[in-house]
Amino acid sequence: WTVFYQVNEERLGQYLDLGLTLLKLGEEARVPLTDFSLEGKGRKGLRHTRTKLAGAGCTFEVLPEADIPALLPRLREVSDAWLGEKQAREKGFSLGYFDEDYLRRFPCAVVRVDGQIVAFANLFETADRDELSLDLMRHLPDAPAGVMEFLFIELMLWGRERGYQWFNLGMAPLAGVESRNLAPLWNQVGALVYRHGERLYNFQGLRQYKDKFDPEWRPKYLASPGGW
């Protein structure tokens, strides 16, 4: 079966013309960077996080691919500690997983405290600087609270200064999946899981977390031949 994963709304007609079935997966958050700043009342929380983490000794840096091999042992320490604290295994489909050959291929954003890396994320960059995003994200369990939010803030400011148009925060799974009387079974189950499935995954919390960056949300779909 040919399956198209996370397709955009503007191309849905093409998939329908092919006789495929569409299932909404959730919504993707993209932050416009052209005018992104920490000014104004609405960004008070982000300013507070940045000031607090900088006061705790956090520093931010984007490292080129050439610097990554020497840092892989420390990145693995951070990753292993994160997995151990979460009691989780690598997934490796929608999200990146720790693989040294993979990490060598990309620049990496890091946060340090006292010179030691406490958080990192590898970066995706489009050649035309239209969009900047990240994939594998890990931090030490005892890193300062809010360290990943600090990394996001600094990375958005870094991207804006270099002319990137968008920062992609990724998906909020099942967000915007509505359950109506005549809705497909997928919508009914998805909406139910989104509302009541917090013990499985922090669906609503993830959407709320990404909302603090004022992103533009766009739906994402799965296009497939249909059937289980």
C-alpha atoms as a PDB file:
ATOM      1  CA  TRP A   1       0.000   0.000   0.000  1.00  0.00           C
ATOM      2  CA  THR A   2       1.141   3.481  -0.812  1.00  0.00           C
ATOM      3  CA  VAL A   3       0.564   5.734   2.210  1.00  0.00           C
ATOM      4  CA  PHE A   4       1.219   9.475   2.401  1.00  0.00           C
ATOM      5  CA  TYR A   5       2.020  10.674   5.907  1.00  0.00           C
ATOM      6  CA  GLN A   6       1.436  14.203   7.292  1.00  0.00           C
ATOM      7  CA  VAL A   7       0.161  15.695   4.041  1.00  0.00           C
ATOM      8  CA  ASN A   8      -0.925  19.335   3.889  1.00  0.00           C
ATOM      9  CA  GLU A   9      -4.448  20.619   3.400  1.00  0.00           C
ATOM     10  CA  GLU A  10      -3.765  22.374   0.092  1.00  0.00           C
ATOM     11  CA  ARG A  11      -3.001  19.062  -1.657  1.00  0.00           C
ATOM     12  CA  LEU A  12      -5.921  17.006  -0.357  1.00  0.00           C
ATOM     13  CA  GLY A  13      -7.727  17.176  -3.706  1.00  0.00           C
ATOM     14  CA  GLN A  14      -4.910  15.284  -5.405  1.00  0.00           C
ATOM     15  CA  TYR A  15      -5.128  12.415  -2.924  1.00  0.00           C
ATOM     16  CA  LEU A  16      -8.918  12.265  -3.221  1.00  0.00           C
ATOM     17  CA  ASP A  17      -8.559  12.118  -7.012  1.00  0.00           C
ATOM     18  CA  LEU A  18      -6.386   9.036  -6.503  1.00  0.00           C
ATOM     19  CA  GLY A  19      -9.229   7.413  -4.570  1.00  0.00           C
ATOM     20  CA  LEU A  20      -7.424   7.591  -1.224  1.00  0.00           C
ATOM     21  CA  THR A  21      -9.015   8.002   2.192  1.00  0.00           C
ATOM     22  CA  LEU A  22      -7.993  10.940   4.384  1.00  0.00           C
ATOM     23  CA  LEU A  23      -7.561  10.725   8.140  1.00  0.00           C
ATOM     24  CA  LYS A  24      -6.686  13.795  10.165  1.00  0.00           C
ATOM     25  CA  LEU A  25      -3.608  13.141  12.312  1.00  0.00           C
ATOM     26  CA  GLY A  26      -3.547  16.421  14.215  1.00  0.00           C
ATOM     27  CA  GLU A  27      -2.193  19.927  13.706  1.00  0.00           C
ATOM     28  CA  GLU A  28       1.281  21.300  13.130  1.00  0.00           C
ATOM     29  CA  ALA A  29       2.576  24.478  14.793  1.00  0.00           C
ATOM     30  CA  ARG A  30       4.678  26.934  12.778  1.00  0.00           C
ATOM     31  CA  VAL A  31       5.956  30.176  14.313  1.00  0.00           C
ATOM     32  CA  PRO A  32       6.492  33.098  11.892  1.00  0.00           C
ATOM     33  CA  LEU A  33       9.994  34.395  12.574  1.00  0.00           C
ATOM     34  CA  THR A  34      10.069  37.617  10.571  1.00  0.00           C
ATOM     35  CA  ASP A  35       8.496  39.583  13.414  1.00  0.00           C
ATOM     36  CA  PHE A  36       9.259  37.204  16.272  1.00  0.00           C
ATOM     37  CA  SER A  37      10.409  38.960  19.438  1.00  0.00           C
ATOM     38  CA  LEU A  38      10.059  38.806  23.200  1.00  0.00           C
ATOM     39  CA  GLU A  39       8.532  42.268  23.440  1.00  0.00           C
ATOM     40  CA  GLY A  40       5.000  42.973  24.604  1.00  0.00           C
ATOM     41  CA  LYS A  41       2.665  41.747  27.311  1.00  0.00           C
ATOM     42  CA  GLY A  42       1.877  38.499  25.492  1.00  0.00           C
ATOM     43  CA  ARG A  43       5.542  37.423  25.609  1.00  0.00           C
ATOM     44  CA  LYS A  44       6.030  38.109  29.311  1.00  0.00           C
ATOM     45  CA  GLY A  45       6.258  34.401  30.115  1.00  0.00           C
ATOM     46  CA  LEU A  46       8.898  33.778  27.455  1.00  0.00           C
ATOM     47  CA  ARG A  47      10.956  36.750  28.689  1.00  0.00           C
ATOM     48  CA  HIS A  48      10.753  35.414  32.228  1.00  0.00           C
ATOM     49  CA  THR A  49      11.946  31.968  31.144  1.00  0.00           C
ATOM     50  CA  ARG A  50      14.874  33.399  29.235  1.00  0.00           C
ATOM     51  CA  THR A  51      15.956  35.663  32.084  1.00  0.00           C
ATOM     52  CA  LYS A  52      15.548  32.921  34.691  1.00  0.00           C
ATOM     53  CA  LEU A  53      17.520  30.310  32.748  1.00  0.00           C
ATOM     54  CA  ALA A  54      20.275  32.756  31.835  1.00  0.00           C
ATOM     55  CA  GLY A  55      20.503  33.626  35.528  1.00  0.00           C
ATOM     56  CA  ALA A  56      20.882  29.922  36.288  1.00  0.00           C
ATOM     57  CA  GLY A  57      23.976  29.842  34.085  1.00  0.00           C
ATOM     58  CA  CYS A  58      22.447  28.487  30.869  1.00  0.00           C
ATOM     59  CA  THR A  59      24.122  29.379  27.590  1.00  0.00           C
ATOM     60  CA  PHE A  60      22.972  28.580  24.058  1.00  0.00           C
ATOM     61  CA  GLU A  61      24.958  27.667  20.951  1.00  0.00           C
ATOM     62  CA  VAL A  62      24.380  26.133  17.526  1.00  0.00           C
ATOM     63  CA  LEU A  63      27.197  23.780  16.580  1.00  0.00           C
ATOM     64  CA  PRO A  64      28.066  22.820  12.972  1.00  0.00           C
ATOM     65  CA  GLU A  65      28.216  19.231  11.805  1.00  0.00           C
ATOM     66  CA  ALA A  66      32.024  19.207  12.034  1.00  0.00           C
ATOM     67  CA  ASP A  67      31.868  19.660  15.825  1.00  0.00           C
ATOM     68  CA  ILE A  68      29.383  16.869  16.503  1.00  0.00           C
ATOM     69  CA  PRO A  69      31.607  13.726  16.459  1.00  0.00           C
ATOM     70  CA  ALA A  70      33.686  14.911  19.422  1.00  0.00           C
ATOM     71  CA  LEU A  71      30.538  15.604  21.441  1.00  0.00           C
ATOM     72  CA  LEU A  72      28.715  12.335  20.764  1.00  0.00           C
ATOM     73  CA  PRO A  73      29.742  10.684  24.084  1.00  0.00           C
ATOM     74  CA  ARG A  74      28.225  13.579  26.044  1.00  0.00           C
ATOM     75  CA  LEU A  75      25.116  13.675  23.863  1.00  0.00           C
ATOM     76  CA  ARG A  76      24.636   9.959  24.505  1.00  0.00           C
ATOM     77  CA  GLU A  77      24.920  10.532  28.258  1.00  0.00           C
ATOM     78  CA  VAL A  78      22.192  13.165  28.067  1.00  0.00           C
ATOM     79  CA  SER A  79      20.008  10.957  25.865  1.00  0.00           C
ATOM     80  CA  ASP A  80      20.403   7.859  28.056  1.00  0.00           C
ATOM     81  CA  ALA A  81      19.586   9.859  31.181  1.00  0.00           C
ATOM     82  CA  TRP A  82      16.461  11.274  29.520  1.00  0.00           C
ATOM     83  CA  LEU A  83      15.264   7.827  28.420  1.00  0.00           C
ATOM     84  CA  GLY A  84      15.933   6.400  31.867  1.00  0.00           C
ATOM     85  CA  GLU A  85      14.004   9.156  33.624  1.00  0.00           C
ATOM     86  CA  LYS A  86      11.052   8.776  31.224  1.00  0.00           C
ATOM     87  CA  GLN A  87      11.221   4.971  31.436  1.00  0.00           C
ATOM     88  CA  ALA A  88      10.849   5.038  27.655  1.00  0.00           C
ATOM     89  CA  ARG A  89      12.307   3.299  24.642  1.00  0.00           C
ATOM     90  CA  GLU A  90      13.270   4.911  21.360  1.00  0.00           C
ATOM     91  CA  LYS A  91      10.364   5.192  18.912  1.00  0.00           C
ATOM     92  CA  GLY A  92      12.021   6.252  15.680  1.00  0.00           C
ATOM     93  CA  PHE A  93       9.190   6.954  13.265  1.00  0.00           C
ATOM     94  CA  SER A  94       7.597  10.373  13.692  1.00  0.00           C
ATOM     95  CA  LEU A  95      10.420  11.405  16.007  1.00  0.00           C
ATOM     96  CA  GLY A  96      14.150  11.024  15.750  1.00  0.00           C
ATOM     97  CA  TYR A  97      16.069   8.533  17.874  1.00  0.00           C
ATOM     98  CA  PHE A  98      19.634   8.551  19.089  1.00  0.00           C
ATOM     99  CA  ASP A  99      21.902   7.292  16.340  1.00  0.00           C
ATOM    100  CA  GLU A 100      25.459   8.553  16.010  1.00  0.00           C
ATOM    101  CA  ASP A 101      25.603   8.301  12.208  1.00  0.00           C
ATOM    102  CA  TYR A 102      22.350  10.275  11.989  1.00  0.00           C
ATOM    103  CA  LEU A 103      23.438  13.025  14.407  1.00  0.00           C
ATOM    104  CA  ARG A 104      26.715  13.569  12.538  1.00  0.00           C
ATOM    105  CA  ARG A 105      24.730  14.786   9.518  1.00  0.00           C
ATOM    106  CA  PHE A 106      23.124  17.833  11.147  1.00  0.00           C
ATOM    107  CA  PRO A 107      23.973  20.941  13.137  1.00  0.00           C
ATOM    108  CA  CYS A 108      22.977  20.745  16.773  1.00  0.00           C
ATOM    109  CA  ALA A 109      21.579  23.325  19.186  1.00  0.00           C
ATOM    110  CA  VAL A 110      22.923  22.873  22.722  1.00  0.00           C
ATOM    111  CA  VAL A 111      22.362  24.411  26.127  1.00  0.00           C
ATOM    112  CA  ARG A 112      25.283  24.345  28.548  1.00  0.00           C
ATOM    113  CA  VAL A 113      25.588  24.937  32.284  1.00  0.00           C
ATOM    114  CA  ASP A 114      29.120  25.449  33.599  1.00  0.00           C
ATOM    115  CA  GLY A 115      30.443  24.332  30.225  1.00  0.00           C
ATOM    116  CA  GLN A 116      28.616  20.983  30.251  1.00  0.00           C
ATOM    117  CA  ILE A 117      25.853  20.187  27.750  1.00  0.00           C
ATOM    118  CA  VAL A 118      22.564  19.643  29.606  1.00  0.00           C
ATOM    119  CA  ALA A 119      20.173  19.754  26.618  1.00  0.00           C
ATOM    120  CA  PHE A 120      20.399  19.393  22.837  1.00  0.00           C
ATOM    121  CA  ALA A 121      18.373  19.119  19.647  1.00  0.00           C
ATOM    122  CA  ASN A 122      19.527  18.402  16.101  1.00  0.00           C
ATOM    123  CA  LEU A 123      18.338  20.855  13.456  1.00  0.00           C
ATOM    124  CA  PHE A 124      16.574  20.641  10.114  1.00  0.00           C
ATOM    125  CA  GLU A 125      17.157  23.608   7.783  1.00  0.00           C
ATOM    126  CA  THR A 126      15.662  24.160   4.335  1.00  0.00           C
ATOM    127  CA  ALA A 127      18.144  25.312   1.714  1.00  0.00           C
ATOM    128  CA  ASP A 128      16.165  28.488   0.957  1.00  0.00           C
ATOM    129  CA  ARG A 129      15.893  29.358   4.684  1.00  0.00           C
ATOM    130  CA  ASP A 130      12.124  29.132   4.506  1.00  0.00           C
ATOM    131  CA  GLU A 131      11.875  26.890   7.566  1.00  0.00           C
ATOM    132  CA  LEU A 132      13.916  25.825  10.570  1.00  0.00           C
ATOM    133  CA  SER A 133      12.944  22.876  12.745  1.00  0.00           C
ATOM    134  CA  LEU A 134      14.332  20.275  15.123  1.00  0.00           C
ATOM    135  CA  ASP A 135      13.990  16.547  15.528  1.00  0.00           C
ATOM    136  CA  LEU A 136      15.682  14.687  18.373  1.00  0.00           C
ATOM    137  CA  MET A 137      15.316  16.636  21.655  1.00  0.00           C
ATOM    138  CA  ARG A 138      16.856  15.488  24.930  1.00  0.00           C
ATOM    139  CA  HIS A 139      17.795  17.032  28.280  1.00  0.00           C
ATOM    140  CA  LEU A 140      19.184  15.874  31.619  1.00  0.00           C
ATOM    141  CA  PRO A 141      16.553  15.167  34.278  1.00  0.00           C
ATOM    142  CA  ASP A 142      18.315  17.551  36.677  1.00  0.00           C
ATOM    143  CA  ALA A 143      18.743  20.355  34.119  1.00  0.00           C
ATOM    144  CA  PRO A 144      17.200  23.687  35.161  1.00  0.00           C
ATOM    145  CA  ALA A 145      13.405  23.681  34.856  1.00  0.00           C
ATOM    146  CA  GLY A 146      12.323  25.153  31.530  1.00  0.00           C
ATOM    147  CA  VAL A 147      15.569  24.303  29.746  1.00  0.00           C
ATOM    148  CA  MET A 148      13.840  23.137  26.544  1.00  0.00           C
ATOM    149  CA  GLU A 149      11.665  26.251  26.413  1.00  0.00           C
ATOM    150  CA  PHE A 150      14.885  28.260  26.765  1.00  0.00           C
ATOM    151  CA  LEU A 151      16.371  26.303  23.845  1.00  0.00           C
ATOM    152  CA  PHE A 152      13.270  26.963  21.698  1.00  0.00           C
ATOM    153  CA  ILE A 153      13.335  30.703  22.456  1.00  0.00           C
ATOM    154  CA  GLU A 154      17.017  31.057  21.676  1.00  0.00           C
ATOM    155  CA  LEU A 155      16.681  28.976  18.510  1.00  0.00           C
ATOM    156  CA  MET A 156      13.800  31.121  17.225  1.00  0.00           C
ATOM    157  CA  LEU A 157      15.818  34.294  17.834  1.00  0.00           C
ATOM    158  CA  TRP A 158      18.838  32.667  16.172  1.00  0.00           C
ATOM    159  CA  GLY A 159      16.725  31.685  13.154  1.00  0.00           C
ATOM    160  CA  ARG A 160      15.173  35.139  12.821  1.00  0.00           C
ATOM    161  CA  GLU A 161      18.613  36.779  12.805  1.00  0.00           C
ATOM    162  CA  ARG A 162      19.664  34.472   9.947  1.00  0.00           C
ATOM    163  CA  GLY A 163      16.651  35.155   7.791  1.00  0.00           C
ATOM    164  CA  TYR A 164      14.537  32.040   8.353  1.00  0.00           C
ATOM    165  CA  GLN A 165      10.840  32.625   7.760  1.00  0.00           C
ATOM    166  CA  TRP A 166       9.322  29.905   9.961  1.00  0.00           C
ATOM    167  CA  PHE A 167      10.169  27.798  12.977  1.00  0.00           C
ATOM    168  CA  ASN A 168       8.376  24.456  12.928  1.00  0.00           C
ATOM    169  CA  LEU A 169       7.406  23.226  16.416  1.00  0.00           C
ATOM    170  CA  GLY A 170       6.023  19.971  15.075  1.00  0.00           C
ATOM    171  CA  MET A 171       2.746  18.207  15.590  1.00  0.00           C
ATOM    172  CA  ALA A 172       0.113  18.246  18.283  1.00  0.00           C
ATOM    173  CA  PRO A 173      -1.282  14.726  17.677  1.00  0.00           C
ATOM    174  CA  LEU A 174      -5.078  14.452  17.351  1.00  0.00           C
ATOM    175  CA  ALA A 175      -5.555  18.201  17.901  1.00  0.00           C
ATOM    176  CA  GLY A 176      -8.523  19.510  15.914  1.00  0.00           C
ATOM    177  CA  VAL A 177      -9.982  16.042  15.290  1.00  0.00           C
ATOM    178  CA  GLU A 178     -13.721  16.632  15.710  1.00  0.00           C
ATOM    179  CA  SER A 179     -16.385  14.092  16.573  1.00  0.00           C
ATOM    180  CA  ARG A 180     -19.777  14.753  14.998  1.00  0.00           C
ATOM    181  CA  ASN A 181     -22.777  12.466  14.649  1.00  0.00           C
ATOM    182  CA  LEU A 182     -21.832  11.390  11.122  1.00  0.00           C
ATOM    183  CA  ALA A 183     -18.062  11.626  11.594  1.00  0.00           C
ATOM    184  CA  PRO A 184     -15.915   8.619  10.590  1.00  0.00           C
ATOM    185  CA  LEU A 185     -14.983   6.173  13.327  1.00  0.00           C
ATOM    186  CA  TRP A 186     -11.394   7.502  13.254  1.00  0.00           C
ATOM    187  CA  ASN A 187     -12.606  10.996  14.175  1.00  0.00           C
ATOM    188  CA  GLN A 188     -14.790   9.725  16.995  1.00  0.00           C
ATOM    189  CA  VAL A 189     -12.028   7.607  18.511  1.00  0.00           C
ATOM    190  CA  GLY A 190      -9.367  10.286  17.947  1.00  0.00           C
ATOM    191  CA  ALA A 191     -11.444  13.011  19.581  1.00  0.00           C
ATOM    192  CA  LEU A 192     -12.175  10.744  22.542  1.00  0.00           C
ATOM    193  CA  VAL A 193      -8.497   9.890  23.017  1.00  0.00           C
ATOM    194  CA  TYR A 194      -7.501  13.559  22.718  1.00  0.00           C
ATOM    195  CA  ARG A 195      -9.950  14.572  25.461  1.00  0.00           C
ATOM    196  CA  HIS A 196      -9.453  11.680  27.856  1.00  0.00           C
ATOM    197  CA  GLY A 197      -6.150  10.032  26.939  1.00  0.00           C
ATOM    198  CA  GLU A 198      -3.798  12.038  29.153  1.00  0.00           C
ATOM    199  CA  ARG A 199      -2.655   8.851  30.890  1.00  0.00           C
ATOM    200  CA  LEU A 200      -1.376   7.594  27.534  1.00  0.00           C
ATOM    201  CA  TYR A 201       0.113  10.834  26.195  1.00  0.00           C
ATOM    202  CA  ASN A 202      -0.055  14.507  27.102  1.00  0.00           C
ATOM    203  CA  PHE A 203      -2.172  15.434  24.069  1.00  0.00           C
ATOM    204  CA  GLN A 204      -3.846  18.608  25.343  1.00  0.00           C
ATOM    205  CA  GLY A 205      -0.830  19.696  27.362  1.00  0.00           C
ATOM    206  CA  LEU A 206       1.398  19.537  24.293  1.00  0.00           C
ATOM    207  CA  ARG A 207      -1.020  21.720  22.325  1.00  0.00           C
ATOM    208  CA  GLN A 208      -1.161  24.246  25.182  1.00  0.00           C
ATOM    209  CA  TYR A 209       2.615  24.259  25.549  1.00  0.00           C
ATOM    210  CA  LYS A 210       3.171  25.083  21.889  1.00  0.00           C
ATOM    211  CA  ASP A 211       0.448  27.742  21.961  1.00  0.00           C
ATOM    212  CA  LYS A 212       2.607  29.960  24.176  1.00  0.00           C
ATOM    213  CA  PHE A 213       4.791  30.700  21.129  1.00  0.00           C
ATOM    214  CA  ASP A 214       1.762  32.010  19.157  1.00  0.00           C
ATOM    215  CA  PRO A 215       2.167  29.630  16.215  1.00  0.00           C
ATOM    216  CA  GLU A 216       0.000  29.287  13.162  1.00  0.00           C
ATOM    217  CA  TRP A 217      -1.655  25.878  13.241  1.00  0.00           C
ATOM    218  CA  ARG A 218      -2.262  23.840  10.101  1.00  0.00           C
ATOM    219  CA  PRO A 219      -3.916  20.419   9.836  1.00  0.00           C
ATOM    220  CA  LYS A 220      -2.002  17.320   8.801  1.00  0.00           C
ATOM    221  CA  TYR A 221      -3.496  14.172   7.282  1.00  0.00           C
ATOM    222  CA  LEU A 222      -2.778  10.575   6.446  1.00  0.00           C
ATOM    223  CA  ALA A 223      -3.791   9.574   2.890  1.00  0.00           C
ATOM    224  CA  SER A 224      -4.127   5.838   2.313  1.00  0.00           C
ATOM    225  CA  PRO A 225      -6.246   3.310   0.372  1.00  0.00           C
ATOM    226  CA  GLY A 226      -8.498   2.953   3.435  1.00  0.00           C
ATOM    227  CA  GLY A 227      -9.478  -0.011   5.545  1.00  0.00           C
ATOM    228  CA  TRP A 228      -7.754  -1.308   8.630  1.00  0.00           C
END
